[in-house]
Amino acid sequence: MALARLCVVHQSFLGRALFRHAEAPGVLSVAYKQSVAQQLGLPEPPKRPLAPHVRFIKDRIEEFNKKYPNLTNQEVFAKTLDHWKSLNSLEKSKWTSEYNREREVYNAVYKAYVQKLSPSQLESIKALKRKRSEDKAKRTSRRDKKRESEDLGKPKYPGNAFFLYISTLQRGDSTGKEFVKEAAQSWHSLPERKQQVYREKAKKMLEEYHEELLQWEAKMVQKGRLDLVRTNQLGGELRDGIRGRKKQN
């Protein structure tokens, strides 16, 4: 079990490293790095002016970083935001007045921008924004469900032979990209008989994982948490009912 946990930790690290350093990102990730206008091949709309509190934080964050050198970026941000909240209306007026002036300019420029677009282009923008919003909601739901499953003790996938092998290596001072590259080279240079040892161990761990997963899913069914169970593990009528509810949602 200790080996399995260690392998899972390295698998998680390796997955993040591969994602970060992939040289040919998928179409989906590229699309979401683009703005709506870029994805549709349209001119970029004018940028909204920064909200007053965002302006304040942007202006003061460096000052607060120097004031609290031992705090994390998130903690410094929180302190800066708290300071903004403590200001009275008069103290905030500098930032709100500047925002209001820029907002008036933005509204005029944005109105002119929209007038240059055709009805079909406007509809395309609305449709893409709606799709992005729906996709984001689905990703959030999957992430929340994954986190909840982990909190409820769902077994973690142990990974394949290579993941098992990489769990025996020391990263040292290597970057994530270097570590993965060196590990892959080292793996491919191993004699077949040594690779087979890891394959056999990985096979055994995978069998144990499937058994533990079935037991966990049985508990979830008993608790009425059918939404956390793989549909193909349920009985016919129950499975069809869940599929029907998923389609409705």
C-alpha atoms as a PDB file:
ATOM      1  CA  MET A   1       0.000   0.000   0.000  1.00  0.00           C
ATOM      2  CA  ALA A   2       2.892   2.383   0.743  1.00  0.00           C
ATOM      3  CA  LEU A   3       4.261   1.738  -2.724  1.00  0.00           C
ATOM      4  CA  ALA A   4       0.854   2.399  -4.229  1.00  0.00           C
ATOM      5  CA  ARG A   5       0.541   5.734  -2.425  1.00  0.00           C
ATOM      6  CA  LEU A   6       4.051   6.748  -3.505  1.00  0.00           C
ATOM      7  CA  CYS A   7       3.248   5.845  -7.078  1.00  0.00           C
ATOM      8  CA  VAL A   8       0.083   7.931  -6.983  1.00  0.00           C
ATOM      9  CA  VAL A   9       2.036  10.966  -5.748  1.00  0.00           C
ATOM     10  CA  HIS A  10       4.547  10.654  -8.572  1.00  0.00           C
ATOM     11  CA  GLN A  11       1.770  10.012 -11.071  1.00  0.00           C
ATOM     12  CA  SER A  12       0.113  13.260 -10.017  1.00  0.00           C
ATOM     13  CA  PHE A  13       3.394  15.152 -10.352  1.00  0.00           C
ATOM     14  CA  LEU A  14       4.178  13.569 -13.705  1.00  0.00           C
ATOM     15  CA  GLY A  15       0.727  14.364 -15.033  1.00  0.00           C
ATOM     16  CA  ARG A  16       1.132  18.021 -14.103  1.00  0.00           C
ATOM     17  CA  ALA A  17       4.625  18.133 -15.582  1.00  0.00           C
ATOM     18  CA  LEU A  18       3.507  16.607 -18.864  1.00  0.00           C
ATOM     19  CA  PHE A  19       0.592  19.024 -19.070  1.00  0.00           C
ATOM     20  CA  ARG A  20       2.745  22.074 -18.341  1.00  0.00           C
ATOM     21  CA  HIS A  21       5.488  21.179 -20.770  1.00  0.00           C
ATOM     22  CA  ALA A  22       3.494  19.710 -23.632  1.00  0.00           C
ATOM     23  CA  GLU A  23       4.908  21.196 -26.837  1.00  0.00           C
ATOM     24  CA  ALA A  24       1.745  20.616 -28.854  1.00  0.00           C
ATOM     25  CA  PRO A  25      -1.237  21.627 -26.696  1.00  0.00           C
ATOM     26  CA  GLY A  26      -4.654  20.322 -27.664  1.00  0.00           C
ATOM     27  CA  VAL A  27      -7.127  22.290 -29.700  1.00  0.00           C
ATOM     28  CA  LEU A  28      -9.316  22.868 -26.651  1.00  0.00           C
ATOM     29  CA  SER A  29      -6.550  24.428 -24.550  1.00  0.00           C
ATOM     30  CA  VAL A  30      -5.446  26.625 -27.458  1.00  0.00           C
ATOM     31  CA  ALA A  31      -9.020  27.758 -28.065  1.00  0.00           C
ATOM     32  CA  TYR A  32      -9.507  28.769 -24.446  1.00  0.00           C
ATOM     33  CA  LYS A  33      -6.275  30.773 -24.471  1.00  0.00           C
ATOM     34  CA  GLN A  34      -7.854  32.856 -27.206  1.00  0.00           C
ATOM     35  CA  SER A  35     -10.391  35.555 -26.541  1.00  0.00           C
ATOM     36  CA  VAL A  36     -13.899  35.190 -27.956  1.00  0.00           C
ATOM     37  CA  ALA A  37     -13.068  37.708 -30.683  1.00  0.00           C
ATOM     38  CA  GLN A  38      -9.830  35.910 -31.601  1.00  0.00           C
ATOM     39  CA  GLN A  39     -11.587  32.562 -31.835  1.00  0.00           C
ATOM     40  CA  LEU A  40     -14.212  34.050 -34.151  1.00  0.00           C
ATOM     41  CA  GLY A  41     -11.710  36.080 -36.173  1.00  0.00           C
ATOM     42  CA  LEU A  42     -13.279  39.398 -35.151  1.00  0.00           C
ATOM     43  CA  PRO A  43     -11.692  42.675 -34.006  1.00  0.00           C
ATOM     44  CA  GLU A  44     -10.992  42.836 -30.280  1.00  0.00           C
ATOM     45  CA  PRO A  45     -13.556  44.827 -28.276  1.00  0.00           C
ATOM     46  CA  PRO A  46     -12.336  47.670 -26.050  1.00  0.00           C
ATOM     47  CA  LYS A  47     -11.175  46.572 -22.610  1.00  0.00           C
ATOM     48  CA  ARG A  48     -13.344  47.346 -19.635  1.00  0.00           C
ATOM     49  CA  PRO A  49     -11.771  49.751 -17.142  1.00  0.00           C
ATOM     50  CA  LEU A  50     -10.500  48.195 -13.932  1.00  0.00           C
ATOM     51  CA  ALA A  51     -12.877  48.322 -10.982  1.00  0.00           C
ATOM     52  CA  PRO A  52     -11.882  50.762  -8.210  1.00  0.00           C
ATOM     53  CA  HIS A  53     -10.707  48.091  -5.755  1.00  0.00           C
ATOM     54  CA  VAL A  54      -8.683  46.358  -8.473  1.00  0.00           C
ATOM     55  CA  ARG A  55      -6.993  49.659  -9.348  1.00  0.00           C
ATOM     56  CA  PHE A  56      -6.132  50.192  -5.710  1.00  0.00           C
ATOM     57  CA  ILE A  57      -4.676  46.704  -5.306  1.00  0.00           C
ATOM     58  CA  LYS A  58      -2.676  46.998  -8.509  1.00  0.00           C
ATOM     59  CA  ASP A  59      -1.258  50.330  -7.353  1.00  0.00           C
ATOM     60  CA  ARG A  60      -0.414  49.205  -3.809  1.00  0.00           C
ATOM     61  CA  ILE A  61       0.486  45.531  -4.162  1.00  0.00           C
ATOM     62  CA  GLU A  62       4.216  46.195  -4.555  1.00  0.00           C
ATOM     63  CA  GLU A  63       4.198  48.391  -1.451  1.00  0.00           C
ATOM     64  CA  PHE A  64       2.464  45.638   0.542  1.00  0.00           C
ATOM     65  CA  ASN A  65       4.863  43.002  -0.796  1.00  0.00           C
ATOM     66  CA  LYS A  66       7.765  44.980   0.650  1.00  0.00           C
ATOM     67  CA  LYS A  67       5.881  45.581   3.880  1.00  0.00           C
ATOM     68  CA  TYR A  68       5.112  41.863   4.368  1.00  0.00           C
ATOM     69  CA  PRO A  69       8.045  39.969   2.781  1.00  0.00           C
ATOM     70  CA  ASN A  70       7.282  36.726   4.624  1.00  0.00           C
ATOM     71  CA  LEU A  71       3.707  36.408   3.389  1.00  0.00           C
ATOM     72  CA  THR A  72       2.592  34.514   0.304  1.00  0.00           C
ATOM     73  CA  ASN A  73       1.221  36.379  -2.706  1.00  0.00           C
ATOM     74  CA  GLN A  74      -2.281  35.291  -1.750  1.00  0.00           C
ATOM     75  CA  GLU A  75      -1.873  36.579   1.808  1.00  0.00           C
ATOM     76  CA  VAL A  76      -0.456  39.903   0.584  1.00  0.00           C
ATOM     77  CA  PHE A  77      -3.389  40.239  -1.812  1.00  0.00           C
ATOM     78  CA  ALA A  78      -5.826  39.595   1.054  1.00  0.00           C
ATOM     79  CA  LYS A  79      -4.157  42.243   3.218  1.00  0.00           C
ATOM     80  CA  THR A  80      -4.259  44.777   0.391  1.00  0.00           C
ATOM     81  CA  LEU A  81      -7.941  44.059  -0.181  1.00  0.00           C
ATOM     82  CA  ASP A  82      -8.660  44.386   3.544  1.00  0.00           C
ATOM     83  CA  HIS A  83      -6.935  47.770   3.522  1.00  0.00           C
ATOM     84  CA  TRP A  84      -9.179  48.883   0.647  1.00  0.00           C
ATOM     85  CA  LYS A  85     -12.257  47.814   2.583  1.00  0.00           C
ATOM     86  CA  SER A  86     -11.112  49.854   5.574  1.00  0.00           C
ATOM     87  CA  LEU A  87     -11.007  53.107   3.569  1.00  0.00           C
ATOM     88  CA  ASN A  88     -13.869  55.563   3.916  1.00  0.00           C
ATOM     89  CA  SER A  89     -15.804  56.988   0.961  1.00  0.00           C
ATOM     90  CA  LEU A  90     -13.622  60.064   0.700  1.00  0.00           C
ATOM     91  CA  GLU A  91     -10.434  57.988   0.638  1.00  0.00           C
ATOM     92  CA  LYS A  92     -11.903  55.760  -2.060  1.00  0.00           C
ATOM     93  CA  SER A  93     -13.080  58.684  -4.179  1.00  0.00           C
ATOM     94  CA  LYS A  94      -9.773  58.991  -6.063  1.00  0.00           C
ATOM     95  CA  TRP A  95     -10.180  55.477  -7.396  1.00  0.00           C
ATOM     96  CA  THR A  96     -13.927  55.591  -8.005  1.00  0.00           C
ATOM     97  CA  SER A  97     -13.745  58.939  -9.826  1.00  0.00           C
ATOM     98  CA  GLU A  98     -11.037  57.672 -12.136  1.00  0.00           C
ATOM     99  CA  TYR A  99     -13.064  54.530 -12.804  1.00  0.00           C
ATOM    100  CA  ASN A 100     -16.231  56.502 -13.581  1.00  0.00           C
ATOM    101  CA  ARG A 101     -14.403  58.714 -16.092  1.00  0.00           C
ATOM    102  CA  GLU A 102     -12.927  55.742 -17.906  1.00  0.00           C
ATOM    103  CA  ARG A 103     -16.254  53.927 -17.775  1.00  0.00           C
ATOM    104  CA  GLU A 104     -17.943  56.725 -19.714  1.00  0.00           C
ATOM    105  CA  VAL A 105     -15.261  56.565 -22.397  1.00  0.00           C
ATOM    106  CA  TYR A 106     -15.504  52.775 -22.514  1.00  0.00           C
ATOM    107  CA  ASN A 107     -19.290  52.827 -22.945  1.00  0.00           C
ATOM    108  CA  ALA A 108     -19.012  55.151 -25.946  1.00  0.00           C
ATOM    109  CA  VAL A 109     -16.208  53.172 -27.580  1.00  0.00           C
ATOM    110  CA  TYR A 110     -17.949  49.846 -26.951  1.00  0.00           C
ATOM    111  CA  LYS A 111     -21.191  51.135 -28.445  1.00  0.00           C
ATOM    112  CA  ALA A 112     -19.312  52.132 -31.603  1.00  0.00           C
ATOM    113  CA  TYR A 113     -17.642  48.709 -31.684  1.00  0.00           C
ATOM    114  CA  VAL A 114     -20.957  46.848 -31.480  1.00  0.00           C
ATOM    115  CA  GLN A 115     -22.494  48.990 -34.219  1.00  0.00           C
ATOM    116  CA  LYS A 116     -19.796  47.836 -36.625  1.00  0.00           C
ATOM    117  CA  LEU A 117     -20.691  44.165 -36.111  1.00  0.00           C
ATOM    118  CA  SER A 118     -23.328  42.380 -38.170  1.00  0.00           C
ATOM    119  CA  PRO A 119     -26.295  40.628 -36.500  1.00  0.00           C
ATOM    120  CA  SER A 120     -24.769  37.228 -37.313  1.00  0.00           C
ATOM    121  CA  GLN A 121     -21.455  38.238 -35.718  1.00  0.00           C
ATOM    122  CA  LEU A 122     -23.239  39.429 -32.592  1.00  0.00           C
ATOM    123  CA  GLU A 123     -25.130  36.144 -32.422  1.00  0.00           C
ATOM    124  CA  SER A 124     -21.880  34.193 -32.846  1.00  0.00           C
ATOM    125  CA  ILE A 125     -20.350  36.106 -29.941  1.00  0.00           C
ATOM    126  CA  LYS A 126     -23.353  35.373 -27.726  1.00  0.00           C
ATOM    127  CA  ALA A 127     -23.348  31.683 -28.692  1.00  0.00           C
ATOM    128  CA  LEU A 128     -19.627  31.252 -28.007  1.00  0.00           C
ATOM    129  CA  LYS A 129     -19.856  33.051 -24.664  1.00  0.00           C
ATOM    130  CA  ARG A 130     -22.790  30.841 -23.723  1.00  0.00           C
ATOM    131  CA  LYS A 131     -20.876  27.694 -24.718  1.00  0.00           C
ATOM    132  CA  ARG A 132     -17.804  28.775 -22.759  1.00  0.00           C
ATOM    133  CA  SER A 133     -19.947  29.436 -19.714  1.00  0.00           C
ATOM    134  CA  GLU A 134     -21.580  26.000 -19.994  1.00  0.00           C
ATOM    135  CA  ASP A 135     -18.208  24.297 -20.493  1.00  0.00           C
ATOM    136  CA  LYS A 136     -16.804  26.076 -17.454  1.00  0.00           C
ATOM    137  CA  ALA A 137     -19.771  24.945 -15.359  1.00  0.00           C
ATOM    138  CA  LYS A 138     -19.229  21.342 -16.493  1.00  0.00           C
ATOM    139  CA  ARG A 139     -15.517  21.482 -15.657  1.00  0.00           C
ATOM    140  CA  THR A 140     -16.303  22.929 -12.244  1.00  0.00           C
ATOM    141  CA  SER A 141     -18.882  20.210 -11.626  1.00  0.00           C
ATOM    142  CA  ARG A 142     -16.433  17.458 -12.621  1.00  0.00           C
ATOM    143  CA  ARG A 143     -13.711  18.952 -10.430  1.00  0.00           C
ATOM    144  CA  ASP A 144     -16.050  19.260  -7.441  1.00  0.00           C
ATOM    145  CA  LYS A 145     -17.308  15.714  -7.928  1.00  0.00           C
ATOM    146  CA  LYS A 146     -13.737  14.415  -8.174  1.00  0.00           C
ATOM    147  CA  ARG A 147     -12.788  16.227  -4.966  1.00  0.00           C
ATOM    148  CA  GLU A 148     -15.880  14.923  -3.191  1.00  0.00           C
ATOM    149  CA  SER A 149     -15.145  11.372  -4.341  1.00  0.00           C
ATOM    150  CA  GLU A 150     -11.618  11.651  -2.960  1.00  0.00           C
ATOM    151  CA  ASP A 151     -12.970  12.953   0.357  1.00  0.00           C
ATOM    152  CA  LEU A 152     -15.279   9.931   0.482  1.00  0.00           C
ATOM    153  CA  GLY A 153     -12.303   7.590   0.098  1.00  0.00           C
ATOM    154  CA  LYS A 154     -12.430   6.722  -3.593  1.00  0.00           C
ATOM    155  CA  PRO A 155      -9.349   4.639  -4.498  1.00  0.00           C
ATOM    156  CA  LYS A 156      -6.807   6.397  -6.693  1.00  0.00           C
ATOM    157  CA  TYR A 157      -5.729   4.941 -10.010  1.00  0.00           C
ATOM    158  CA  PRO A 158      -2.211   3.524  -9.479  1.00  0.00           C
ATOM    159  CA  GLY A 159      -0.832   4.198 -12.950  1.00  0.00           C
ATOM    160  CA  ASN A 160       1.080   1.981 -15.361  1.00  0.00           C
ATOM    161  CA  ALA A 161       4.549   0.422 -15.248  1.00  0.00           C
ATOM    162  CA  PHE A 162       6.291   3.665 -16.151  1.00  0.00           C
ATOM    163  CA  PHE A 163       4.549   5.563 -13.356  1.00  0.00           C
ATOM    164  CA  LEU A 164       5.606   2.811 -10.965  1.00  0.00           C
ATOM    165  CA  TYR A 165       9.189   3.072 -12.201  1.00  0.00           C
ATOM    166  CA  ILE A 166       9.289   6.853 -11.920  1.00  0.00           C
ATOM    167  CA  SER A 167       8.175   6.607  -8.288  1.00  0.00           C
ATOM    168  CA  THR A 168      11.566   5.018  -7.537  1.00  0.00           C
ATOM    169  CA  LEU A 169      13.536   7.961  -8.970  1.00  0.00           C
ATOM    170  CA  GLN A 170      14.772  11.085  -7.226  1.00  0.00           C
ATOM    171  CA  ARG A 171      13.933  14.342  -8.947  1.00  0.00           C
ATOM    172  CA  GLY A 172      16.849  16.262  -7.468  1.00  0.00           C
ATOM    173  CA  ASP A 173      17.337  19.748  -8.889  1.00  0.00           C
ATOM    174  CA  SER A 174      15.826  18.894 -12.267  1.00  0.00           C
ATOM    175  CA  THR A 175      12.907  20.888 -13.603  1.00  0.00           C
ATOM    176  CA  GLY A 176       9.665  19.047 -14.280  1.00  0.00           C
ATOM    177  CA  LYS A 177      10.422  18.873 -17.995  1.00  0.00           C
ATOM    178  CA  GLU A 178      13.971  17.631 -17.449  1.00  0.00           C
ATOM    179  CA  PHE A 179      12.859  15.051 -14.894  1.00  0.00           C
ATOM    180  CA  VAL A 180      10.212  13.576 -17.198  1.00  0.00           C
ATOM    181  CA  LYS A 181      12.609  13.509 -20.160  1.00  0.00           C
ATOM    182  CA  GLU A 182      15.394  11.843 -18.180  1.00  0.00           C
ATOM    183  CA  ALA A 183      12.970   9.350 -16.631  1.00  0.00           C
ATOM    184  CA  ALA A 184      11.637   8.378 -20.066  1.00  0.00           C
ATOM    185  CA  GLN A 185      15.161   7.897 -21.416  1.00  0.00           C
ATOM    186  CA  SER A 186      16.117   5.840 -18.384  1.00  0.00           C
ATOM    187  CA  TRP A 187      12.987   3.701 -18.736  1.00  0.00           C
ATOM    188  CA  HIS A 188      13.616   2.951 -22.402  1.00  0.00           C
ATOM    189  CA  SER A 189      17.213   1.974 -21.628  1.00  0.00           C
ATOM    190  CA  LEU A 190      16.132  -0.634 -19.071  1.00  0.00           C
ATOM    191  CA  PRO A 191      16.486  -4.269 -20.132  1.00  0.00           C
ATOM    192  CA  GLU A 192      13.199  -5.913 -21.046  1.00  0.00           C
ATOM    193  CA  ARG A 193      13.364  -8.250 -18.046  1.00  0.00           C
ATOM    194  CA  LYS A 194      13.564  -5.282 -15.651  1.00  0.00           C
ATOM    195  CA  GLN A 195      10.706  -3.492 -17.383  1.00  0.00           C
ATOM    196  CA  GLN A 196       8.691  -6.678 -17.049  1.00  0.00           C
ATOM    197  CA  VAL A 197       9.128  -6.583 -13.273  1.00  0.00           C
ATOM    198  CA  TYR A 198       7.438  -3.177 -13.176  1.00  0.00           C
ATOM    199  CA  ARG A 199       4.729  -4.351 -15.566  1.00  0.00           C
ATOM    200  CA  GLU A 200       3.898  -7.274 -13.304  1.00  0.00           C
ATOM    201  CA  LYS A 201       3.777  -5.031 -10.233  1.00  0.00           C
ATOM    202  CA  ALA A 202       1.619  -2.504 -12.077  1.00  0.00           C
ATOM    203  CA  LYS A 203      -0.727  -5.272 -13.210  1.00  0.00           C
ATOM    204  CA  LYS A 204      -1.147  -6.509  -9.641  1.00  0.00           C
ATOM    205  CA  MET A 205      -1.740  -2.981  -8.327  1.00  0.00           C
ATOM    206  CA  LEU A 206      -4.307  -2.385 -11.066  1.00  0.00           C
ATOM    207  CA  GLU A 207      -6.194  -5.550 -10.105  1.00  0.00           C
ATOM    208  CA  GLU A 208      -6.223  -4.442  -6.466  1.00  0.00           C
ATOM    209  CA  TYR A 209      -7.394  -0.992  -7.525  1.00  0.00           C
ATOM    210  CA  HIS A 210     -10.329  -2.385  -9.522  1.00  0.00           C
ATOM    211  CA  GLU A 211     -11.367  -4.553  -6.573  1.00  0.00           C
ATOM    212  CA  GLU A 212     -11.188  -1.623  -4.139  1.00  0.00           C
ATOM    213  CA  LEU A 213     -13.064   0.589  -6.591  1.00  0.00           C
ATOM    214  CA  LEU A 214     -15.902  -1.917  -6.900  1.00  0.00           C
ATOM    215  CA  GLN A 215     -16.180  -2.106  -3.112  1.00  0.00           C
ATOM    216  CA  TRP A 216     -16.197   1.683  -2.835  1.00  0.00           C
ATOM    217  CA  GLU A 217     -18.858   2.012  -5.532  1.00  0.00           C
ATOM    218  CA  ALA A 218     -21.006  -0.562  -3.748  1.00  0.00           C
ATOM    219  CA  LYS A 219     -20.857   1.624  -0.630  1.00  0.00           C
ATOM    220  CA  MET A 220     -21.818   4.679  -2.654  1.00  0.00           C
ATOM    221  CA  VAL A 221     -24.839   2.850  -4.095  1.00  0.00           C
ATOM    222  CA  GLN A 222     -25.926   1.931  -0.560  1.00  0.00           C
ATOM    223  CA  LYS A 223     -25.621   5.587   0.448  1.00  0.00           C
ATOM    224  CA  GLY A 224     -27.659   6.689  -2.550  1.00  0.00           C
ATOM    225  CA  ARG A 225     -24.718   8.464  -4.200  1.00  0.00           C
ATOM    226  CA  LEU A 226     -25.316   6.988  -7.634  1.00  0.00           C
ATOM    227  CA  ASP A 227     -23.900  10.137  -9.219  1.00  0.00           C
ATOM    228  CA  LEU A 228     -20.427   9.073  -8.060  1.00  0.00           C
ATOM    229  CA  VAL A 229     -20.642   5.564  -9.501  1.00  0.00           C
ATOM    230  CA  ARG A 230     -19.649   4.496 -13.009  1.00  0.00           C
ATOM    231  CA  THR A 231     -22.859   3.894 -14.909  1.00  0.00           C
ATOM    232  CA  ASN A 232     -21.674   0.571 -16.362  1.00  0.00           C
ATOM    233  CA  GLN A 233     -21.406  -0.885 -12.846  1.00  0.00           C
ATOM    234  CA  LEU A 234     -25.117  -0.505 -12.136  1.00  0.00           C
ATOM    235  CA  GLY A 235     -28.031  -2.766 -12.948  1.00  0.00           C
ATOM    236  CA  GLY A 236     -29.970  -2.312 -16.177  1.00  0.00           C
ATOM    237  CA  GLU A 237     -33.001  -0.333 -14.970  1.00  0.00           C
ATOM    238  CA  LEU A 238     -30.945   1.737 -12.548  1.00  0.00           C
ATOM    239  CA  ARG A 239     -28.347   2.455 -15.221  1.00  0.00           C
ATOM    240  CA  ASP A 240     -30.949   3.555 -17.758  1.00  0.00           C
ATOM    241  CA  GLY A 241     -32.580   5.806 -15.185  1.00  0.00           C
ATOM    242  CA  ILE A 242     -29.303   7.559 -14.382  1.00  0.00           C
ATOM    243  CA  ARG A 243     -28.489   7.996 -18.058  1.00  0.00           C
ATOM    244  CA  GLY A 244     -31.902   9.546 -18.566  1.00  0.00           C
ATOM    245  CA  ARG A 245     -31.350  12.010 -15.724  1.00  0.00           C
ATOM    246  CA  LYS A 246     -27.910  12.938 -17.094  1.00  0.00           C
ATOM    247  CA  LYS A 247     -29.421  13.718 -20.501  1.00  0.00           C
ATOM    248  CA  GLN A 248     -32.069  15.912 -18.885  1.00  0.00           C
ATOM    249  CA  ASN A 249     -29.368  17.850 -17.009  1.00  0.00           C
END
